[in-house]
Amino acid sequence: MIVAIAAGDSLSLAVSVQSASPAECQLVEEVLAGSFLDQFPARLIGDKAYDSELLDRKLQSEYGIELIAPNRRGRKRGT
């Protein structure tokens, strides 16, 4: 699986090639570690796979990044 983070103008900020077995939300930190920039983006927009309260809190507290992702159906609170 190729996971990439891009700016609003489609400029690639980070790219990572990973096994397809872990959930995408578990790969975010590895992708950020491979960032091409010295500073992280203020916001990260992801699909439903990134809907995780734990990931929200971790990105905000450790990287100062606001995560924006639609809620998954049937999501359990705190996951």
PDB file of N, CA and C in Angstrom:
ATOM      1  N   MET A   1       0.842  -1.152   0.000  1.00  0.00           N
ATOM      2  CA  MET A   1       0.000   0.000   0.000  1.00  0.00           C
ATOM      3  C   MET A   1       0.897   1.227   0.000  1.00  0.00           C
ATOM      4  N   ILE A   2       0.532   2.208  -0.795  1.00  0.00           N
ATOM      5  CA  ILE A   2       1.243   3.479  -0.821  1.00  0.00           C
ATOM      6  C   ILE A   2       0.364   4.487  -0.089  1.00  0.00           C
ATOM      7  N   VAL A   3       0.926   5.118   0.943  1.00  0.00           N
ATOM      8  CA  VAL A   3       0.207   6.120   1.721  1.00  0.00           C
ATOM      9  C   VAL A   3       0.932   7.434   1.498  1.00  0.00           C
ATOM     10  N   ALA A   4       0.180   8.472   1.126  1.00  0.00           N
ATOM     11  CA  ALA A   4       0.791   9.769   0.855  1.00  0.00           C
ATOM     12  C   ALA A   4       0.012  10.876   1.537  1.00  0.00           C
ATOM     13  N   ILE A   5       0.726  11.946   1.863  1.00  0.00           N
ATOM     14  CA  ILE A   5       0.107  13.151   2.385  1.00  0.00           C
ATOM     15  C   ILE A   5       0.453  14.253   1.396  1.00  0.00           C
ATOM     16  N   ALA A   6      -0.581  14.982   0.954  1.00  0.00           N
ATOM     17  CA  ALA A   6      -0.373  16.041  -0.032  1.00  0.00           C
ATOM     18  C   ALA A   6      -0.984  17.336   0.457  1.00  0.00           C
ATOM     19  N   ALA A   7      -0.437  18.446  -0.011  1.00  0.00           N
ATOM     20  CA  ALA A   7      -0.986  19.764   0.297  1.00  0.00           C
ATOM     21  C   ALA A   7      -2.209  20.004  -0.576  1.00  0.00           C
ATOM     22  N   GLY A   8      -2.928  21.070  -0.299  1.00  0.00           N
ATOM     23  CA  GLY A   8      -4.124  21.400  -1.066  1.00  0.00           C
ATOM     24  C   GLY A   8      -3.864  21.588  -2.545  1.00  0.00           C
ATOM     25  N   ASP A   9      -2.639  21.973  -2.904  1.00  0.00           N
ATOM     26  CA  ASP A   9      -2.301  22.151  -4.317  1.00  0.00           C
ATOM     27  C   ASP A   9      -1.680  20.885  -4.916  1.00  0.00           C
ATOM     28  N   SER A  10      -1.850  19.743  -4.241  1.00  0.00           N
ATOM     29  CA  SER A  10      -1.380  18.415  -4.657  1.00  0.00           C
ATOM     30  C   SER A  10       0.116  18.199  -4.516  1.00  0.00           C
ATOM     31  N   LEU A  11       0.832  19.117  -3.887  1.00  0.00           N
ATOM     32  CA  LEU A  11       2.257  18.942  -3.623  1.00  0.00           C
ATOM     33  C   LEU A  11       2.434  17.841  -2.592  1.00  0.00           C
ATOM     34  N   SER A  12       3.212  16.816  -2.916  1.00  0.00           N
ATOM     35  CA  SER A  12       3.443  15.716  -1.970  1.00  0.00           C
ATOM     36  C   SER A  12       4.282  16.196  -0.791  1.00  0.00           C
ATOM     37  N   LEU A  13       3.795  15.908   0.417  1.00  0.00           N
ATOM     38  CA  LEU A  13       4.516  16.280   1.631  1.00  0.00           C
ATOM     39  C   LEU A  13       5.213  15.091   2.258  1.00  0.00           C
ATOM     40  N   ALA A  14       4.650  13.893   2.053  1.00  0.00           N
ATOM     41  CA  ALA A  14       5.221  12.672   2.614  1.00  0.00           C
ATOM     42  C   ALA A  14       4.644  11.481   1.866  1.00  0.00           C
ATOM     43  N   VAL A  15       5.470  10.449   1.706  1.00  0.00           N
ATOM     44  CA  VAL A  15       5.052   9.223   1.031  1.00  0.00           C
ATOM     45  C   VAL A  15       5.675   8.047   1.764  1.00  0.00           C
ATOM     46  N   SER A  16       4.899   6.963   1.908  1.00  0.00           N
ATOM     47  CA  SER A  16       5.402   5.768   2.561  1.00  0.00           C
ATOM     48  C   SER A  16       4.812   4.543   1.870  1.00  0.00           C
ATOM     49  N   VAL A  17       5.616   3.515   1.720  1.00  0.00           N
ATOM     50  CA  VAL A  17       5.146   2.248   1.155  1.00  0.00           C
ATOM     51  C   VAL A  17       5.095   1.247   2.299  1.00  0.00           C
ATOM     52  N   GLN A  18       3.913   0.672   2.534  1.00  0.00           N
ATOM     53  CA  GLN A  18       3.688  -0.201   3.677  1.00  0.00           C
ATOM     54  C   GLN A  18       2.977  -1.480   3.264  1.00  0.00           C
ATOM     55  N   SER A  19       2.998  -2.446   4.155  1.00  0.00           N
ATOM     56  CA  SER A  19       2.209  -3.656   3.991  1.00  0.00           C
ATOM     57  C   SER A  19       0.734  -3.277   4.026  1.00  0.00           C
ATOM     58  N   ALA A  20      -0.094  -4.007   3.321  1.00  0.00           N
ATOM     59  CA  ALA A  20      -1.525  -3.701   3.280  1.00  0.00           C
ATOM     60  C   ALA A  20      -2.267  -4.218   4.505  1.00  0.00           C
ATOM     61  N   SER A  21      -1.602  -4.964   5.392  1.00  0.00           N
ATOM     62  CA  SER A  21      -2.321  -5.569   6.510  1.00  0.00           C
ATOM     63  C   SER A  21      -2.677  -4.612   7.654  1.00  0.00           C
ATOM     64  N   PRO A  22      -1.831  -3.637   8.066  1.00  0.00           N
ATOM     65  CA  PRO A  22      -2.274  -2.770   9.159  1.00  0.00           C
ATOM     66  C   PRO A  22      -3.337  -1.788   8.685  1.00  0.00           C
ATOM     67  N   ALA A  23      -4.169  -1.331   9.598  1.00  0.00           N
ATOM     68  CA  ALA A  23      -5.161  -0.314   9.278  1.00  0.00           C
ATOM     69  C   ALA A  23      -4.442   0.980   8.910  1.00  0.00           C
ATOM     70  N   GLU A  24      -5.021   1.735   7.993  1.00  0.00           N
ATOM     71  CA  GLU A  24      -4.390   2.973   7.537  1.00  0.00           C
ATOM     72  C   GLU A  24      -4.122   3.943   8.677  1.00  0.00           C
ATOM     73  N   CYS A  25      -5.044   4.013   9.641  1.00  0.00           N
ATOM     74  CA  CYS A  25      -4.854   4.976  10.736  1.00  0.00           C
ATOM     75  C   CYS A  25      -3.624   4.639  11.569  1.00  0.00           C
ATOM     76  N   GLN A  26      -3.141   3.396  11.510  1.00  0.00           N
ATOM     77  CA  GLN A  26      -1.943   3.010  12.249  1.00  0.00           C
ATOM     78  C   GLN A  26      -0.660   3.398  11.519  1.00  0.00           C
ATOM     79  N   LEU A  27      -0.775   3.822  10.272  1.00  0.00           N
ATOM     80  CA  LEU A  27       0.398   4.150   9.460  1.00  0.00           C
ATOM     81  C   LEU A  27       0.705   5.651   9.425  1.00  0.00           C
ATOM     82  N   VAL A  28      -0.186   6.457   9.969  1.00  0.00           N
ATOM     83  CA  VAL A  28      -0.046   7.914   9.866  1.00  0.00           C
ATOM     84  C   VAL A  28       1.287   8.406  10.408  1.00  0.00           C
ATOM     85  N   GLU A  29       1.686   7.946  11.577  1.00  0.00           N
ATOM     86  CA  GLU A  29       2.939   8.429  12.171  1.00  0.00           C
ATOM     87  C   GLU A  29       4.146   8.060  11.316  1.00  0.00           C
ATOM     88  N   GLU A  30       4.146   6.884  10.720  1.00  0.00           N
ATOM     89  CA  GLU A  30       5.265   6.489   9.858  1.00  0.00           C
ATOM     90  C   GLU A  30       5.333   7.380   8.626  1.00  0.00           C
ATOM     91  N   VAL A  31       4.181   7.747   8.095  1.00  0.00           N
ATOM     92  CA  VAL A  31       4.152   8.643   6.938  1.00  0.00           C
ATOM     93  C   VAL A  31       4.666  10.020   7.338  1.00  0.00           C
ATOM     94  N   LEU A  32       4.222  10.519   8.487  1.00  0.00           N
ATOM     95  CA  LEU A  32       4.696  11.825   8.955  1.00  0.00           C
ATOM     96  C   LEU A  32       6.205  11.827   9.191  1.00  0.00           C
ATOM     97  N   ALA A  33       6.743  10.712   9.644  1.00  0.00           N
ATOM     98  CA  ALA A  33       8.190  10.615   9.873  1.00  0.00           C
ATOM     99  C   ALA A  33       8.968  10.766   8.572  1.00  0.00           C
ATOM    100  N   GLY A  34       8.334  10.449   7.453  1.00  0.00           N
ATOM    101  CA  GLY A  34       8.985  10.578   6.155  1.00  0.00           C
ATOM    102  C   GLY A  34       8.664  11.873   5.446  1.00  0.00           C
ATOM    103  N   SER A  35       8.162  12.861   6.194  1.00  0.00           N
ATOM    104  CA  SER A  35       7.763  14.133   5.595  1.00  0.00           C
ATOM    105  C   SER A  35       8.949  14.821   4.924  1.00  0.00           C
ATOM    106  N   PHE A  36       8.681  15.473   3.809  1.00  0.00           N
ATOM    107  CA  PHE A  36       9.706  16.213   3.066  1.00  0.00           C
ATOM    108  C   PHE A  36       9.908  17.623   3.617  1.00  0.00           C
ATOM    109  N   LEU A  37       9.062  18.032   4.542  1.00  0.00           N
ATOM    110  CA  LEU A  37       9.120  19.388   5.077  1.00  0.00           C
ATOM    111  C   LEU A  37       9.596  19.393   6.525  1.00  0.00           C
ATOM    112  N   ASP A  38      10.061  20.548   6.981  1.00  0.00           N
ATOM    113  CA  ASP A  38      10.514  20.689   8.365  1.00  0.00           C
ATOM    114  C   ASP A  38       9.350  20.870   9.330  1.00  0.00           C
ATOM    115  N   GLN A  39       8.212  21.307   8.816  1.00  0.00           N
ATOM    116  CA  GLN A  39       7.053  21.593   9.660  1.00  0.00           C
ATOM    117  C   GLN A  39       5.866  20.753   9.188  1.00  0.00           C
ATOM    118  N   PHE A  40       5.085  20.233  10.140  1.00  0.00           N
ATOM    119  CA  PHE A  40       3.907  19.440   9.800  1.00  0.00           C
ATOM    120  C   PHE A  40       2.747  20.349   9.429  1.00  0.00           C
ATOM    121  N   PRO A  41       1.800  19.842   8.639  1.00  0.00           N
ATOM    122  CA  PRO A  41       0.629  20.656   8.298  1.00  0.00           C
ATOM    123  C   PRO A  41      -0.246  20.884   9.532  1.00  0.00           C
ATOM    124  N   ALA A  42      -1.032  21.957   9.513  1.00  0.00           N
ATOM    125  CA  ALA A  42      -1.925  22.267  10.635  1.00  0.00           C
ATOM    126  C   ALA A  42      -3.104  21.304  10.682  1.00  0.00           C
ATOM    127  N   ARG A  43      -3.539  20.823   9.512  1.00  0.00           N
ATOM    128  CA  ARG A  43      -4.684  19.914   9.427  1.00  0.00           C
ATOM    129  C   ARG A  43      -4.365  18.762   8.492  1.00  0.00           C
ATOM    130  N   LEU A  44      -4.933  17.614   8.814  1.00  0.00           N
ATOM    131  CA  LEU A  44      -4.796  16.420   7.984  1.00  0.00           C
ATOM    132  C   LEU A  44      -6.206  15.913   7.705  1.00  0.00           C
ATOM    133  N   ILE A  45      -6.549  15.789   6.435  1.00  0.00           N
ATOM    134  CA  ILE A  45      -7.875  15.311   6.048  1.00  0.00           C
ATOM    135  C   ILE A  45      -7.740  13.884   5.559  1.00  0.00           C
ATOM    136  N   GLY A  46      -8.520  12.989   6.147  1.00  0.00           N
ATOM    137  CA  GLY A  46      -8.473  11.580   5.765  1.00  0.00           C
ATOM    138  C   GLY A  46      -9.866  11.048   5.502  1.00  0.00           C
ATOM    139  N   ASP A  47      -9.943   9.847   4.964  1.00  0.00           N
ATOM    140  CA  ASP A  47     -11.239   9.223   4.728  1.00  0.00           C
ATOM    141  C   ASP A  47     -11.712   8.523   5.996  1.00  0.00           C
ATOM    142  N   LYS A  48     -12.764   7.732   5.889  1.00  0.00           N
ATOM    143  CA  LYS A  48     -13.339   7.072   7.062  1.00  0.00           C
ATOM    144  C   LYS A  48     -12.346   6.168   7.791  1.00  0.00           C
ATOM    145  N   ALA A  49     -11.335   5.675   7.101  1.00  0.00           N
ATOM    146  CA  ALA A  49     -10.340   4.801   7.728  1.00  0.00           C
ATOM    147  C   ALA A  49      -9.549   5.530   8.816  1.00  0.00           C
ATOM    148  N   TYR A  50      -9.543   6.855   8.771  1.00  0.00           N
ATOM    149  CA  TYR A  50      -8.789   7.644   9.743  1.00  0.00           C
ATOM    150  C   TYR A  50      -9.633   8.097  10.925  1.00  0.00           C
ATOM    151  N   ASP A  51     -10.884   7.676  10.999  1.00  0.00           N
ATOM    152  CA  ASP A  51     -11.775   8.064  12.085  1.00  0.00           C
ATOM    153  C   ASP A  51     -11.414   7.292  13.345  1.00  0.00           C
ATOM    154  N   SER A  52     -10.641   7.913  14.212  1.00  0.00           N
ATOM    155  CA  SER A  52     -10.194   7.284  15.447  1.00  0.00           C
ATOM    156  C   SER A  52      -9.957   8.366  16.493  1.00  0.00           C
ATOM    157  N   GLU A  53     -10.653   8.270  17.613  1.00  0.00           N
ATOM    158  CA  GLU A  53     -10.459   9.232  18.705  1.00  0.00           C
ATOM    159  C   GLU A  53      -9.010   9.203  19.195  1.00  0.00           C
ATOM    160  N   LEU A  54      -8.438   8.014  19.298  1.00  0.00           N
ATOM    161  CA  LEU A  54      -7.054   7.882  19.751  1.00  0.00           C
ATOM    162  C   LEU A  54      -6.105   8.595  18.791  1.00  0.00           C
ATOM    163  N   LEU A  55      -6.298   8.384  17.492  1.00  0.00           N
ATOM    164  CA  LEU A  55      -5.459   9.056  16.498  1.00  0.00           C
ATOM    165  C   LEU A  55      -5.665  10.561  16.560  1.00  0.00           C
ATOM    166  N   ASP A  56      -6.922  11.013  16.703  1.00  0.00           N
ATOM    167  CA  ASP A  56      -7.206  12.450  16.843  1.00  0.00           C
ATOM    168  C   ASP A  56      -6.376  13.055  17.971  1.00  0.00           C
ATOM    169  N   ARG A  57      -6.460  12.434  19.142  1.00  0.00           N
ATOM    170  CA  ARG A  57      -5.762  12.962  20.322  1.00  0.00           C
ATOM    171  C   ARG A  57      -4.241  12.930  20.141  1.00  0.00           C
ATOM    172  N   LYS A  58      -3.727  11.842  19.591  1.00  0.00           N
ATOM    173  CA  LYS A  58      -2.277  11.700  19.431  1.00  0.00           C
ATOM    174  C   LYS A  58      -1.717  12.725  18.445  1.00  0.00           C
ATOM    175  N   LEU A  59      -2.390  12.890  17.305  1.00  0.00           N
ATOM    176  CA  LEU A  59      -1.912  13.867  16.321  1.00  0.00           C
ATOM    177  C   LEU A  59      -1.948  15.282  16.894  1.00  0.00           C
ATOM    178  N   GLN A  60      -2.999  15.584  17.652  1.00  0.00           N
ATOM    179  CA  GLN A  60      -3.106  16.923  18.237  1.00  0.00           C
ATOM    180  C   GLN A  60      -2.049  17.157  19.309  1.00  0.00           C
ATOM    181  N   SER A  61      -1.881  16.203  20.220  1.00  0.00           N
ATOM    182  CA  SER A  61      -0.955  16.417  21.337  1.00  0.00           C
ATOM    183  C   SER A  61       0.515  16.311  20.945  1.00  0.00           C
ATOM    184  N   GLU A  62       0.859  15.383  20.057  1.00  0.00           N
ATOM    185  CA  GLU A  62       2.271  15.167  19.724  1.00  0.00           C
ATOM    186  C   GLU A  62       2.758  15.948  18.509  1.00  0.00           C
ATOM    187  N   TYR A  63       1.844  16.284  17.593  1.00  0.00           N
ATOM    188  CA  TYR A  63       2.265  16.945  16.360  1.00  0.00           C
ATOM    189  C   TYR A  63       1.580  18.282  16.115  1.00  0.00           C
ATOM    190  N   GLY A  64       0.549  18.607  16.916  1.00  0.00           N
ATOM    191  CA  GLY A  64      -0.187  19.849  16.707  1.00  0.00           C
ATOM    192  C   GLY A  64      -1.024  19.823  15.436  1.00  0.00           C
ATOM    193  N   ILE A  65      -1.450  18.637  15.012  1.00  0.00           N
ATOM    194  CA  ILE A  65      -2.215  18.478  13.775  1.00  0.00           C
ATOM    195  C   ILE A  65      -3.676  18.196  14.110  1.00  0.00           C
ATOM    196  N   GLU A  66      -4.583  18.942  13.479  1.00  0.00           N
ATOM    197  CA  GLU A  66      -6.018  18.679  13.606  1.00  0.00           C
ATOM    198  C   GLU A  66      -6.401  17.644  12.553  1.00  0.00           C
ATOM    199  N   LEU A  67      -6.979  16.533  12.972  1.00  0.00           N
ATOM    200  CA  LEU A  67      -7.409  15.483  12.048  1.00  0.00           C
ATOM    201  C   LEU A  67      -8.869  15.684  11.698  1.00  0.00           C
ATOM    202  N   ILE A  68      -9.153  15.686  10.407  1.00  0.00           N
ATOM    203  CA  ILE A  68     -10.517  15.827   9.910  1.00  0.00           C
ATOM    204  C   ILE A  68     -10.840  14.560   9.132  1.00  0.00           C
ATOM    205  N   ALA A  69     -11.815  13.792   9.648  1.00  0.00           N
ATOM    206  CA  ALA A  69     -12.203  12.539   8.993  1.00  0.00           C
ATOM    207  C   ALA A  69     -13.679  12.282   9.265  1.00  0.00           C
ATOM    208  N   PRO A  70     -14.423  11.792   8.264  1.00  0.00           N
ATOM    209  CA  PRO A  70     -15.833  11.479   8.506  1.00  0.00           C
ATOM    210  C   PRO A  70     -15.970  10.294   9.448  1.00  0.00           C
ATOM    211  N   ASN A  71     -17.040  10.271  10.213  1.00  0.00           N
ATOM    212  CA  ASN A  71     -17.277   9.176  11.144  1.00  0.00           C
ATOM    213  C   ASN A  71     -17.648   7.894  10.411  1.00  0.00           C
ATOM    214  N   ARG A  72     -17.081   6.799  10.888  1.00  0.00           N
ATOM    215  CA  ARG A  72     -17.451   5.477  10.367  1.00  0.00           C
ATOM    216  C   ARG A  72     -18.770   5.057  10.988  1.00  0.00           C
ATOM    217  N   ARG A  73     -19.526   4.270  10.283  1.00  0.00           N
ATOM    218  CA  ARG A  73     -20.762   3.709  10.834  1.00  0.00           C
ATOM    219  C   ARG A  73     -20.423   2.674  11.885  1.00  0.00           C
ATOM    220  N   GLY A  74     -21.140   2.683  12.975  1.00  0.00           N
ATOM    221  CA  GLY A  74     -20.944   1.671  13.999  1.00  0.00           C
ATOM    222  C   GLY A  74     -19.658   1.819  14.801  1.00  0.00           C
ATOM    223  N   ARG A  75     -19.030   2.984  14.740  1.00  0.00           N
ATOM    224  CA  ARG A  75     -17.776   3.194  15.474  1.00  0.00           C
ATOM    225  C   ARG A  75     -18.036   3.139  16.957  1.00  0.00           C
ATOM    226  N   LYS A  76     -17.178   2.451  17.654  1.00  0.00           N
ATOM    227  CA  LYS A  76     -17.267   2.394  19.106  1.00  0.00           C
ATOM    228  C   LYS A  76     -16.542   3.584  19.690  1.00  0.00           C
ATOM    229  N   ARG A  77     -17.092   4.162  20.714  1.00  0.00           N
ATOM    230  CA  ARG A  77     -16.503   5.333  21.355  1.00  0.00           C
ATOM    231  C   ARG A  77     -15.105   5.003  21.881  1.00  0.00           C
ATOM    232  N   GLY A  78     -14.149   5.927  21.640  1.00  0.00           N
ATOM    233  CA  GLY A  78     -12.800   5.749  22.167  1.00  0.00           C
ATOM    234  C   GLY A  78     -11.893   4.917  21.280  1.00  0.00           C
ATOM    235  N   THR A  79     -12.308   4.583  20.053  1.00  0.00           N
ATOM    236  CA  THR A  79     -11.454   3.797  19.150  1.00  0.00           C
ATOM    237  C   THR A  79     -11.006   4.620  17.975  1.00  0.00           C
TER     238      THR A  79
END
